[in-house]
Amino acid sequence: MEIAKTMSASLAALVLFMLFFNPTNSEAFSREITRNEIGHLNKKQKLSHLHFYFHDTVSGHNPTAVQIAGYQISQSSPTKFGYLAILDDPLTIGPDPRSKIVGRAQGMYASADMNQLGLMMTMNFFFTEGKFNGSTLSVLGRNAVFSAVREMPILGGAGVFRFARGYAEARTHEVNWSTGDAVVEYNVYVFHY
């Protein structure tokens, strides 16, 4: 009889424990935290300006951007609507492709406008030099290719750029219309800790 009472009490305790400490309980899934619990949020927020050149090479034996999808309309559309490319483009200090590489633009772009050349850009700027080495900035936005200046939002980042926000300005530096290769100047303004 004593064993039955002990088992009954243990079972009741287990049921109570599971009711109040159930891992599917929403409080276990998420909770509010203070800035003190994430140490770097206590640091002063900085505004950094990054300047580099993006080299998009679609031609030759070693392209850095390649088409991965496209509908029949892409071939006949003046805007290449439906064209989708994946990229791993070098980011350099200067417009010359032989200048020092400071990172890579890795992601994709798609022609998403039927009326004018407008690319939907989804990419990470992955930095490989200096104090930003190993850090990334994430870009998602519209790139109206024939506009003199295009502005795209910085949605976040990793490494030094955790909780980053800002914008990137793109200006075409040079285009080879016969190959499609382009060099684009970027000025990036980003708040980070």
C-alpha atoms as a PDB file:
ATOM      1  CA  MET A   1       0.000   0.000   0.000  1.00  0.00           C
ATOM      2  CA  GLU A   2       2.835   2.397   0.874  1.00  0.00           C
ATOM      3  CA  ILE A   3       4.451   1.721  -2.553  1.00  0.00           C
ATOM      4  CA  ALA A   4       1.171   2.563  -4.303  1.00  0.00           C
ATOM      5  CA  LYS A   5       0.918   5.881  -2.394  1.00  0.00           C
ATOM      6  CA  THR A   6       4.531   6.741  -3.252  1.00  0.00           C
ATOM      7  CA  MET A   7       3.999   5.891  -6.938  1.00  0.00           C
ATOM      8  CA  SER A   8       0.771   7.894  -6.963  1.00  0.00           C
ATOM      9  CA  ALA A   9       2.503  10.906  -5.399  1.00  0.00           C
ATOM     10  CA  SER A  10       5.427  10.577  -7.847  1.00  0.00           C
ATOM     11  CA  LEU A  11       3.030  10.376 -10.793  1.00  0.00           C
ATOM     12  CA  ALA A  12       1.137  13.444  -9.551  1.00  0.00           C
ATOM     13  CA  ALA A  13       4.425  15.335  -9.156  1.00  0.00           C
ATOM     14  CA  LEU A  14       5.460  14.306 -12.686  1.00  0.00           C
ATOM     15  CA  VAL A  15       2.129  15.479 -14.137  1.00  0.00           C
ATOM     16  CA  LEU A  16       2.438  18.823 -12.328  1.00  0.00           C
ATOM     17  CA  PHE A  17       6.028  19.186 -13.495  1.00  0.00           C
ATOM     18  CA  MET A  18       5.011  18.505 -17.105  1.00  0.00           C
ATOM     19  CA  LEU A  19       2.109  20.964 -16.931  1.00  0.00           C
ATOM     20  CA  PHE A  20       4.236  23.826 -15.657  1.00  0.00           C
ATOM     21  CA  PHE A  21       7.564  23.069 -17.330  1.00  0.00           C
ATOM     22  CA  ASN A  22       6.391  21.660 -20.639  1.00  0.00           C
ATOM     23  CA  PRO A  23       8.942  22.532 -23.374  1.00  0.00           C
ATOM     24  CA  THR A  24       6.072  23.209 -25.803  1.00  0.00           C
ATOM     25  CA  ASN A  25       4.834  25.972 -23.514  1.00  0.00           C
ATOM     26  CA  SER A  26       5.241  29.296 -25.382  1.00  0.00           C
ATOM     27  CA  GLU A  27       7.340  30.745 -22.556  1.00  0.00           C
ATOM     28  CA  ALA A  28       9.945  28.043 -23.170  1.00  0.00           C
ATOM     29  CA  PHE A  29       9.922  28.860 -26.890  1.00  0.00           C
ATOM     30  CA  SER A  30      10.481  32.575 -26.464  1.00  0.00           C
ATOM     31  CA  ARG A  31      10.907  35.086 -23.718  1.00  0.00           C
ATOM     32  CA  GLU A  32      11.748  38.734 -23.346  1.00  0.00           C
ATOM     33  CA  ILE A  33      15.329  39.465 -22.416  1.00  0.00           C
ATOM     34  CA  THR A  34      17.246  42.534 -21.363  1.00  0.00           C
ATOM     35  CA  ARG A  35      20.117  44.150 -23.242  1.00  0.00           C
ATOM     36  CA  ASN A  36      22.407  42.996 -20.423  1.00  0.00           C
ATOM     37  CA  GLU A  37      21.827  39.363 -21.422  1.00  0.00           C
ATOM     38  CA  ILE A  38      23.421  40.050 -24.827  1.00  0.00           C
ATOM     39  CA  GLY A  39      26.666  41.761 -23.910  1.00  0.00           C
ATOM     40  CA  HIS A  40      27.463  43.559 -27.143  1.00  0.00           C
ATOM     41  CA  LEU A  41      24.133  45.437 -27.112  1.00  0.00           C
ATOM     42  CA  ASN A  42      25.473  47.471 -24.211  1.00  0.00           C
ATOM     43  CA  LYS A  43      28.148  48.912 -26.487  1.00  0.00           C
ATOM     44  CA  LYS A  44      27.598  52.216 -28.224  1.00  0.00           C
ATOM     45  CA  GLN A  45      26.064  51.870 -31.675  1.00  0.00           C
ATOM     46  CA  LYS A  46      28.371  52.937 -34.543  1.00  0.00           C
ATOM     47  CA  LEU A  47      27.718  54.095 -38.082  1.00  0.00           C
ATOM     48  CA  SER A  48      30.227  52.700 -40.577  1.00  0.00           C
ATOM     49  CA  HIS A  49      30.742  53.597 -44.231  1.00  0.00           C
ATOM     50  CA  LEU A  50      32.104  50.817 -46.442  1.00  0.00           C
ATOM     51  CA  HIS A  51      33.241  51.505 -50.007  1.00  0.00           C
ATOM     52  CA  PHE A  52      34.079  48.768 -52.506  1.00  0.00           C
ATOM     53  CA  TYR A  53      33.546  47.540 -56.063  1.00  0.00           C
ATOM     54  CA  PHE A  54      31.403  44.559 -57.053  1.00  0.00           C
ATOM     55  CA  HIS A  55      32.652  42.614 -60.100  1.00  0.00           C
ATOM     56  CA  ASP A  56      29.840  40.671 -61.809  1.00  0.00           C
ATOM     57  CA  THR A  57      31.340  38.430 -64.497  1.00  0.00           C
ATOM     58  CA  VAL A  58      28.833  36.429 -66.546  1.00  0.00           C
ATOM     59  CA  SER A  59      31.116  35.612 -69.507  1.00  0.00           C
ATOM     60  CA  GLY A  60      34.278  33.654 -70.167  1.00  0.00           C
ATOM     61  CA  HIS A  61      35.692  30.462 -68.684  1.00  0.00           C
ATOM     62  CA  ASN A  62      35.436  31.555 -65.048  1.00  0.00           C
ATOM     63  CA  PRO A  63      32.152  33.443 -64.526  1.00  0.00           C
ATOM     64  CA  THR A  64      31.271  34.618 -61.022  1.00  0.00           C
ATOM     65  CA  ALA A  65      27.529  34.765 -61.789  1.00  0.00           C
ATOM     66  CA  VAL A  66      25.675  32.018 -63.651  1.00  0.00           C
ATOM     67  CA  GLN A  67      22.100  31.613 -64.791  1.00  0.00           C
ATOM     68  CA  ILE A  68      20.321  28.866 -62.851  1.00  0.00           C
ATOM     69  CA  ALA A  69      16.765  29.380 -64.133  1.00  0.00           C
ATOM     70  CA  GLY A  70      14.768  31.268 -66.697  1.00  0.00           C
ATOM     71  CA  TYR A  71      11.570  30.820 -68.622  1.00  0.00           C
ATOM     72  CA  GLN A  72      11.189  31.018 -72.380  1.00  0.00           C
ATOM     73  CA  ILE A  73      10.002  34.585 -71.943  1.00  0.00           C
ATOM     74  CA  SER A  74      13.461  35.488 -70.559  1.00  0.00           C
ATOM     75  CA  GLN A  75      14.957  35.053 -74.021  1.00  0.00           C
ATOM     76  CA  SER A  76      12.399  37.278 -75.771  1.00  0.00           C
ATOM     77  CA  SER A  77      11.783  39.806 -72.982  1.00  0.00           C
ATOM     78  CA  PRO A  78      13.678  43.101 -73.213  1.00  0.00           C
ATOM     79  CA  THR A  79      14.033  42.984 -69.408  1.00  0.00           C
ATOM     80  CA  LYS A  80      14.971  39.259 -69.302  1.00  0.00           C
ATOM     81  CA  PHE A  81      11.974  38.765 -67.006  1.00  0.00           C
ATOM     82  CA  GLY A  82      12.271  35.435 -65.170  1.00  0.00           C
ATOM     83  CA  TYR A  83      16.073  35.251 -65.414  1.00  0.00           C
ATOM     84  CA  LEU A  84      17.639  33.960 -62.176  1.00  0.00           C
ATOM     85  CA  ALA A  85      21.379  33.909 -61.468  1.00  0.00           C
ATOM     86  CA  ILE A  86      23.481  32.750 -58.541  1.00  0.00           C
ATOM     87  CA  LEU A  87      26.598  34.773 -57.751  1.00  0.00           C
ATOM     88  CA  ASP A  88      29.884  34.681 -55.905  1.00  0.00           C
ATOM     89  CA  ASP A  89      31.308  38.024 -57.029  1.00  0.00           C
ATOM     90  CA  PRO A  90      34.538  39.495 -55.700  1.00  0.00           C
ATOM     91  CA  LEU A  91      34.404  42.795 -53.812  1.00  0.00           C
ATOM     92  CA  THR A  92      37.534  44.880 -54.332  1.00  0.00           C
ATOM     93  CA  ILE A  93      39.073  48.111 -53.038  1.00  0.00           C
ATOM     94  CA  GLY A  94      39.179  49.651 -56.529  1.00  0.00           C
ATOM     95  CA  PRO A  95      37.427  49.255 -59.879  1.00  0.00           C
ATOM     96  CA  ASP A  96      40.304  47.238 -61.369  1.00  0.00           C
ATOM     97  CA  PRO A  97      39.539  43.511 -60.986  1.00  0.00           C
ATOM     98  CA  ARG A  98      43.179  43.002 -59.947  1.00  0.00           C
ATOM     99  CA  SER A  99      42.836  45.362 -56.969  1.00  0.00           C
ATOM    100  CA  LYS A 100      42.786  43.918 -53.465  1.00  0.00           C
ATOM    101  CA  ILE A 101      39.811  41.651 -52.713  1.00  0.00           C
ATOM    102  CA  VAL A 102      38.076  42.610 -49.442  1.00  0.00           C
ATOM    103  CA  GLY A 103      35.167  40.189 -49.650  1.00  0.00           C
ATOM    104  CA  ARG A 104      32.576  38.409 -51.787  1.00  0.00           C
ATOM    105  CA  ALA A 105      28.973  39.107 -52.734  1.00  0.00           C
ATOM    106  CA  GLN A 106      27.231  35.743 -52.446  1.00  0.00           C
ATOM    107  CA  GLY A 107      23.587  35.200 -53.296  1.00  0.00           C
ATOM    108  CA  MET A 108      21.297  35.616 -56.267  1.00  0.00           C
ATOM    109  CA  TYR A 109      19.504  38.106 -58.421  1.00  0.00           C
ATOM    110  CA  ALA A 110      16.411  37.752 -60.556  1.00  0.00           C
ATOM    111  CA  SER A 111      14.876  39.902 -63.257  1.00  0.00           C
ATOM    112  CA  ALA A 112      11.548  40.664 -61.602  1.00  0.00           C
ATOM    113  CA  ASP A 113      10.166  43.544 -63.682  1.00  0.00           C
ATOM    114  CA  MET A 114       8.387  43.086 -67.014  1.00  0.00           C
ATOM    115  CA  ASN A 115       8.579  46.784 -67.987  1.00  0.00           C
ATOM    116  CA  GLN A 116      12.105  47.916 -67.130  1.00  0.00           C
ATOM    117  CA  LEU A 117      15.282  46.160 -66.065  1.00  0.00           C
ATOM    118  CA  GLY A 118      14.766  45.720 -62.324  1.00  0.00           C
ATOM    119  CA  LEU A 119      16.579  43.037 -60.389  1.00  0.00           C
ATOM    120  CA  MET A 120      15.516  41.568 -57.080  1.00  0.00           C
ATOM    121  CA  MET A 121      18.819  41.231 -55.204  1.00  0.00           C
ATOM    122  CA  THR A 122      19.252  38.763 -52.351  1.00  0.00           C
ATOM    123  CA  MET A 123      22.858  38.532 -51.228  1.00  0.00           C
ATOM    124  CA  ASN A 124      25.352  38.619 -48.418  1.00  0.00           C
ATOM    125  CA  PHE A 125      28.428  40.785 -48.469  1.00  0.00           C
ATOM    126  CA  PHE A 126      30.980  38.452 -46.843  1.00  0.00           C
ATOM    127  CA  PHE A 127      34.098  40.363 -45.789  1.00  0.00           C
ATOM    128  CA  THR A 128      37.535  38.734 -45.754  1.00  0.00           C
ATOM    129  CA  GLU A 129      39.823  41.616 -44.756  1.00  0.00           C
ATOM    130  CA  GLY A 130      40.455  44.012 -41.892  1.00  0.00           C
ATOM    131  CA  LYS A 131      38.295  44.486 -38.832  1.00  0.00           C
ATOM    132  CA  PHE A 132      35.238  43.081 -40.659  1.00  0.00           C
ATOM    133  CA  ASN A 133      36.974  39.806 -41.633  1.00  0.00           C
ATOM    134  CA  GLY A 134      34.480  36.934 -41.265  1.00  0.00           C
ATOM    135  CA  SER A 135      31.466  39.240 -40.897  1.00  0.00           C
ATOM    136  CA  THR A 136      28.506  39.558 -43.259  1.00  0.00           C
ATOM    137  CA  LEU A 137      25.857  42.079 -44.232  1.00  0.00           C
ATOM    138  CA  SER A 138      22.560  40.891 -45.749  1.00  0.00           C
ATOM    139  CA  VAL A 139      20.991  42.816 -48.625  1.00  0.00           C
ATOM    140  CA  LEU A 140      17.488  42.333 -50.005  1.00  0.00           C
ATOM    141  CA  GLY A 141      16.047  44.864 -52.398  1.00  0.00           C
ATOM    142  CA  ARG A 142      15.276  46.176 -55.845  1.00  0.00           C
ATOM    143  CA  ASN A 143      18.097  47.161 -58.170  1.00  0.00           C
ATOM    144  CA  ALA A 144      16.778  49.354 -61.010  1.00  0.00           C
ATOM    145  CA  VAL A 145      19.845  48.764 -63.166  1.00  0.00           C
ATOM    146  CA  PHE A 146      19.523  51.832 -65.423  1.00  0.00           C
ATOM    147  CA  SER A 147      19.077  54.294 -62.543  1.00  0.00           C
ATOM    148  CA  ALA A 148      22.186  56.335 -61.785  1.00  0.00           C
ATOM    149  CA  VAL A 149      21.995  55.446 -58.072  1.00  0.00           C
ATOM    150  CA  ARG A 150      20.169  52.435 -56.656  1.00  0.00           C
ATOM    151  CA  GLU A 151      19.424  52.085 -52.959  1.00  0.00           C
ATOM    152  CA  MET A 152      18.929  48.695 -51.297  1.00  0.00           C
ATOM    153  CA  PRO A 153      18.294  47.980 -47.614  1.00  0.00           C
ATOM    154  CA  ILE A 154      20.717  46.221 -45.291  1.00  0.00           C
ATOM    155  CA  LEU A 155      18.479  43.893 -43.306  1.00  0.00           C
ATOM    156  CA  GLY A 156      20.979  42.500 -40.840  1.00  0.00           C
ATOM    157  CA  GLY A 157      24.302  40.837 -40.503  1.00  0.00           C
ATOM    158  CA  ALA A 158      26.547  38.498 -38.571  1.00  0.00           C
ATOM    159  CA  GLY A 159      29.840  38.764 -36.727  1.00  0.00           C
ATOM    160  CA  VAL A 160      30.722  42.423 -36.164  1.00  0.00           C
ATOM    161  CA  PHE A 161      27.441  43.298 -37.903  1.00  0.00           C
ATOM    162  CA  ARG A 162      24.976  41.547 -35.552  1.00  0.00           C
ATOM    163  CA  PHE A 163      21.763  43.604 -35.393  1.00  0.00           C
ATOM    164  CA  ALA A 164      22.973  45.724 -38.337  1.00  0.00           C
ATOM    165  CA  ARG A 165      20.685  47.999 -40.302  1.00  0.00           C
ATOM    166  CA  GLY A 166      21.316  50.491 -43.043  1.00  0.00           C
ATOM    167  CA  TYR A 167      21.424  50.789 -46.793  1.00  0.00           C
ATOM    168  CA  ALA A 168      23.661  50.207 -49.784  1.00  0.00           C
ATOM    169  CA  GLU A 169      24.006  52.611 -52.700  1.00  0.00           C
ATOM    170  CA  ALA A 170      24.993  51.047 -56.018  1.00  0.00           C
ATOM    171  CA  ARG A 171      26.358  53.004 -58.994  1.00  0.00           C
ATOM    172  CA  THR A 172      27.349  51.328 -62.240  1.00  0.00           C
ATOM    173  CA  HIS A 173      31.024  52.016 -62.831  1.00  0.00           C
ATOM    174  CA  GLU A 174      31.423  50.063 -66.057  1.00  0.00           C
ATOM    175  CA  VAL A 175      29.429  47.646 -68.241  1.00  0.00           C
ATOM    176  CA  ASN A 176      30.582  45.603 -71.195  1.00  0.00           C
ATOM    177  CA  TRP A 177      27.348  45.447 -73.219  1.00  0.00           C
ATOM    178  CA  SER A 178      28.634  42.651 -75.472  1.00  0.00           C
ATOM    179  CA  THR A 179      29.499  40.281 -72.581  1.00  0.00           C
ATOM    180  CA  GLY A 180      27.174  41.523 -69.836  1.00  0.00           C
ATOM    181  CA  ASP A 181      30.075  41.837 -67.381  1.00  0.00           C
ATOM    182  CA  ALA A 182      29.764  44.778 -64.985  1.00  0.00           C
ATOM    183  CA  VAL A 183      31.639  46.627 -62.270  1.00  0.00           C
ATOM    184  CA  VAL A 184      29.417  48.341 -59.707  1.00  0.00           C
ATOM    185  CA  GLU A 185      30.573  50.801 -57.059  1.00  0.00           C
ATOM    186  CA  TYR A 186      28.985  50.308 -53.629  1.00  0.00           C
ATOM    187  CA  ASN A 187      28.759  52.732 -50.740  1.00  0.00           C
ATOM    188  CA  VAL A 188      27.277  51.014 -47.706  1.00  0.00           C
ATOM    189  CA  TYR A 189      26.114  52.875 -44.608  1.00  0.00           C
ATOM    190  CA  VAL A 190      25.393  50.617 -41.676  1.00  0.00           C
ATOM    191  CA  PHE A 191      24.555  50.980 -37.985  1.00  0.00           C
ATOM    192  CA  HIS A 192      26.047  48.224 -35.822  1.00  0.00           C
ATOM    193  CA  TYR A 193      27.449  47.611 -32.351  1.00  0.00           C
END
